[in-house]
Protein backbone atom coordinates (compact mmCIF):
# COMPACT_ATOMS: atom_id res chain seq x y z
CA MET A 1 -174.56 65.58 112.31
CA MET A 2 -171.43 64.59 110.50
CA LEU A 3 -168.73 67.11 109.10
CA LYS A 4 -168.85 66.96 105.02
CA ARG A 5 -166.12 68.03 102.82
CA CYS A 6 -165.76 68.93 99.49
CA PHE A 7 -163.37 67.82 96.80
CA PRO A 8 -160.40 69.79 95.23
CA PRO A 9 -161.44 71.65 92.33
CA VAL A 10 -161.35 70.91 88.83
CA ALA A 11 -159.58 73.68 86.66
CA ASP A 12 -156.69 74.64 84.82
CA ALA A 13 -155.16 78.10 83.40
CA ASP A 14 -157.42 77.87 80.57
CA THR A 15 -160.63 77.55 82.23
CA ARG A 16 -162.99 80.33 81.23
CA VAL A 17 -166.28 79.18 82.89
CA LEU A 18 -165.83 78.23 86.41
CA ILE A 19 -169.29 76.18 87.93
CA LEU A 20 -169.59 76.35 91.56
CA GLY A 21 -172.02 74.22 93.41
CA SER A 22 -172.97 74.31 97.13
CA LEU A 23 -171.45 70.77 98.51
CA PRO A 24 -171.82 67.00 97.25
CA GLY A 25 -174.65 65.08 98.58
CA GLU A 26 -174.51 61.57 99.66
CA ALA A 27 -174.18 59.65 96.90
CA SER A 28 -171.59 61.95 95.46
CA LEU A 29 -169.48 61.79 98.84
CA ALA A 30 -170.00 57.82 98.98
CA GLN A 31 -168.46 57.96 95.47
CA GLY A 32 -165.69 60.53 95.73
CA GLN A 33 -167.09 61.93 92.48
CA TYR A 34 -168.72 65.15 91.64
CA TYR A 35 -172.59 64.75 90.85
CA ALA A 36 -172.66 60.93 91.31
CA HIS A 37 -176.08 60.67 92.07
CA ARG A 38 -177.83 59.43 89.38
CA GLN A 39 -180.85 61.41 89.02
CA ASN A 40 -178.80 64.78 89.51
CA GLN A 41 -178.72 66.47 85.68
CA PHE A 42 -175.39 68.43 85.89
CA TRP A 43 -173.63 65.54 83.61
CA ARG A 44 -176.57 66.09 81.22
CA LEU A 45 -176.79 69.33 81.12
CA VAL A 46 -173.22 70.38 80.48
CA GLY A 47 -173.13 67.66 78.04
CA ASP A 48 -175.86 69.08 76.16
CA THR A 49 -174.15 72.33 76.91
CA ILE A 50 -171.10 71.62 75.12
CA GLY A 51 -172.21 68.90 72.83
CA VAL A 52 -170.70 65.87 74.45
CA ASN A 53 -172.30 62.78 75.80
CA LEU A 54 -170.91 63.15 78.97
CA PRO A 55 -173.18 60.70 80.95
CA SER A 56 -172.10 57.86 78.72
CA LEU A 57 -168.20 58.70 79.80
CA ASP A 58 -166.40 57.25 82.62
CA TYR A 59 -165.79 59.95 85.41
CA ASP A 60 -162.21 60.93 84.81
CA ALA A 61 -163.39 61.09 80.89
CA ARG A 62 -165.93 63.51 82.01
CA LEU A 63 -163.48 65.66 84.06
CA GLN A 64 -161.11 65.88 81.15
CA ALA A 65 -164.07 67.15 78.80
CA LEU A 66 -164.72 69.53 81.18
CA LEU A 67 -161.50 70.75 80.87
CA ALA A 68 -160.91 70.47 77.70
CA HIS A 69 -163.93 72.52 76.77
CA ARG A 70 -162.45 75.40 79.31
CA ILE A 71 -164.96 74.49 81.97
CA GLY A 72 -164.16 74.26 85.70
CA LEU A 73 -165.76 73.13 88.82
CA TRP A 74 -165.53 73.41 92.21
CA ASP A 75 -167.98 73.97 95.65
CA VAL A 76 -168.58 77.16 97.36
CA VAL A 77 -168.47 75.21 100.94
CA ALA A 78 -165.32 73.33 101.84
CA GLU A 79 -166.82 71.84 104.65
CA ALA A 80 -170.20 71.97 106.48
CA ARG A 81 -172.67 69.95 108.93
CA ARG A 82 -175.60 68.50 106.89
CA GLU A 83 -178.05 65.64 107.70
CA GLY A 84 -178.56 63.97 104.29
CA SER A 85 -177.97 65.85 100.67
CA LEU A 86 -180.33 69.06 100.83
CA ASP A 87 -178.77 72.10 100.87
CA SER A 88 -181.20 73.67 103.19
CA ASN A 89 -179.86 71.21 105.67
CA ILE A 90 -176.20 72.70 105.84
CA ARG A 91 -175.19 74.16 108.82
CA ASP A 92 -172.04 75.55 110.25
CA HIS A 93 -170.49 76.03 106.89
CA ALA A 94 -166.60 76.91 106.24
CA GLY A 95 -166.07 78.58 102.75
CA ASN A 96 -163.82 77.70 100.04
CA ASP A 97 -161.13 79.80 98.97
CA LEU A 98 -163.06 80.99 95.89
CA ILE A 99 -160.89 84.36 95.57
CA GLY A 100 -157.55 82.31 95.66
CA LEU A 101 -158.91 79.99 92.89
CA ILE A 102 -160.24 82.65 90.80
CA GLU A 103 -157.16 84.45 91.28
CA ALA A 104 -155.10 81.46 89.62
CA LEU A 105 -157.44 80.96 86.52
CA PRO A 106 -156.08 83.78 83.84
CA ALA A 107 -158.55 83.22 81.29
CA LEU A 108 -161.72 83.06 83.84
CA LYS A 109 -164.84 85.01 82.02
CA VAL A 110 -167.63 83.62 84.09
CA ILE A 111 -168.16 82.36 87.48
CA ALA A 112 -171.75 80.10 87.14
CA PHE A 113 -173.56 79.15 90.31
CA ASN A 114 -175.49 75.51 90.15
CA GLY A 115 -178.41 76.08 92.18
CA GLY A 116 -179.70 79.12 94.70
CA THR A 117 -177.56 78.00 97.89
CA ALA A 118 -174.29 78.10 95.63
CA ALA A 119 -175.13 81.69 94.56
CA ARG A 120 -176.26 82.74 98.02
CA ILE A 121 -173.06 82.09 99.67
CA GLY A 122 -170.72 82.34 96.44
CA GLY A 123 -172.33 85.37 95.30
CA LYS A 124 -171.52 87.28 99.04
CA ARG A 125 -167.87 86.14 98.84
CA LEU A 126 -167.57 87.03 94.89
CA ALA A 127 -169.42 90.79 94.75
CA ARG A 128 -166.34 92.42 94.37
CA HIS A 129 -165.37 90.36 91.47
CA ALA A 130 -168.28 91.00 89.62
CA ASP A 131 -166.64 93.64 87.74
CA GLN A 132 -163.93 91.21 86.42
CA HIS A 133 -166.25 88.47 85.64
CA ARG A 134 -169.91 87.79 84.80
CA LEU A 135 -171.76 85.83 87.58
CA VAL A 136 -174.18 83.90 86.07
CA MET A 137 -176.97 81.82 88.65
CA LEU A 138 -178.01 78.66 86.74
CA PRO A 139 -181.00 76.60 87.81
CA SER A 140 -179.85 73.71 90.21
CA SER A 141 -179.31 70.40 88.53
CA SER A 142 -180.33 68.90 91.54
CA PRO A 143 -183.47 66.40 91.37
CA ALA A 144 -184.83 68.27 94.24
CA TYR A 145 -185.27 71.18 92.20
CA THR A 146 -188.28 70.01 90.25
CA LEU A 147 -187.95 72.72 86.93
CA PRO A 148 -188.63 71.11 83.76
CA TYR A 149 -185.36 69.88 82.21
CA ALA A 150 -186.13 71.80 79.10
CA GLU A 151 -186.25 75.04 80.98
CA LYS A 152 -183.02 74.08 83.15
CA LEU A 153 -181.29 73.54 79.99
CA HIS A 154 -182.59 76.79 78.10
CA ALA A 155 -180.52 78.82 81.27
CA TRP A 156 -177.44 76.21 81.10
CA LYS A 157 -176.77 77.09 77.37
CA ALA A 158 -176.26 80.53 77.96
CA LEU A 159 -172.79 79.47 78.95
CA HIS A 160 -171.91 78.53 75.40
CA ALA A 161 -171.40 82.21 74.56
CA TRP A 162 -168.50 82.15 76.85
CA LEU A 163 -166.84 79.04 75.51
CA LEU A 164 -164.35 78.25 73.01
CA PRO A 165 -163.55 75.45 70.66
CA ALA A 166 -162.72 72.23 72.81
CA ARG A 167 -158.66 71.79 73.28
CA PRO A 168 -157.81 68.24 71.81
CA LEU A 169 -157.88 65.92 74.63
CA GLN A 170 -154.86 64.24 75.65
CA SER A 171 -154.52 60.62 74.41
CA SER A 172 -153.31 58.33 76.99
CA LEU A 173 -151.10 56.90 74.18
CA ASP A 174 -148.94 59.95 74.24
């Protein structure tokens, strides 16, 4: 089994909601992009939560839209051995420095886990921060988790309570 590594975090000082996944899957690793598998519902779920058609944007614009809405993104696993993309196949994992990241995010209010594996691994490491940040378990955006989209979206929309109006996007003409 090959060793697979996560991507750097997407966050800034204004991040209020940090969404943590487990570890990028094969399609994401191949494209160097979070949630690149076309059947993964992450971009649609977040887009429907913030009212932006994220799937229609290019990847960099998606990341900028997340930051403009004060949403950060990372994974709980820094590296692991895994055959394929299923979380159940993660072996010999090393965790990311979640504590270091959240301590560097002064506006952070909520840490949301995208799926059960992220919640199991990340929840243990962040349990002592539960009094400082709300920990939220979200249904996985993965196509392997077959809960109907409407039910997933209902849970994901709970994040809206912690979001503020979006900051203006930086124009490339500035």
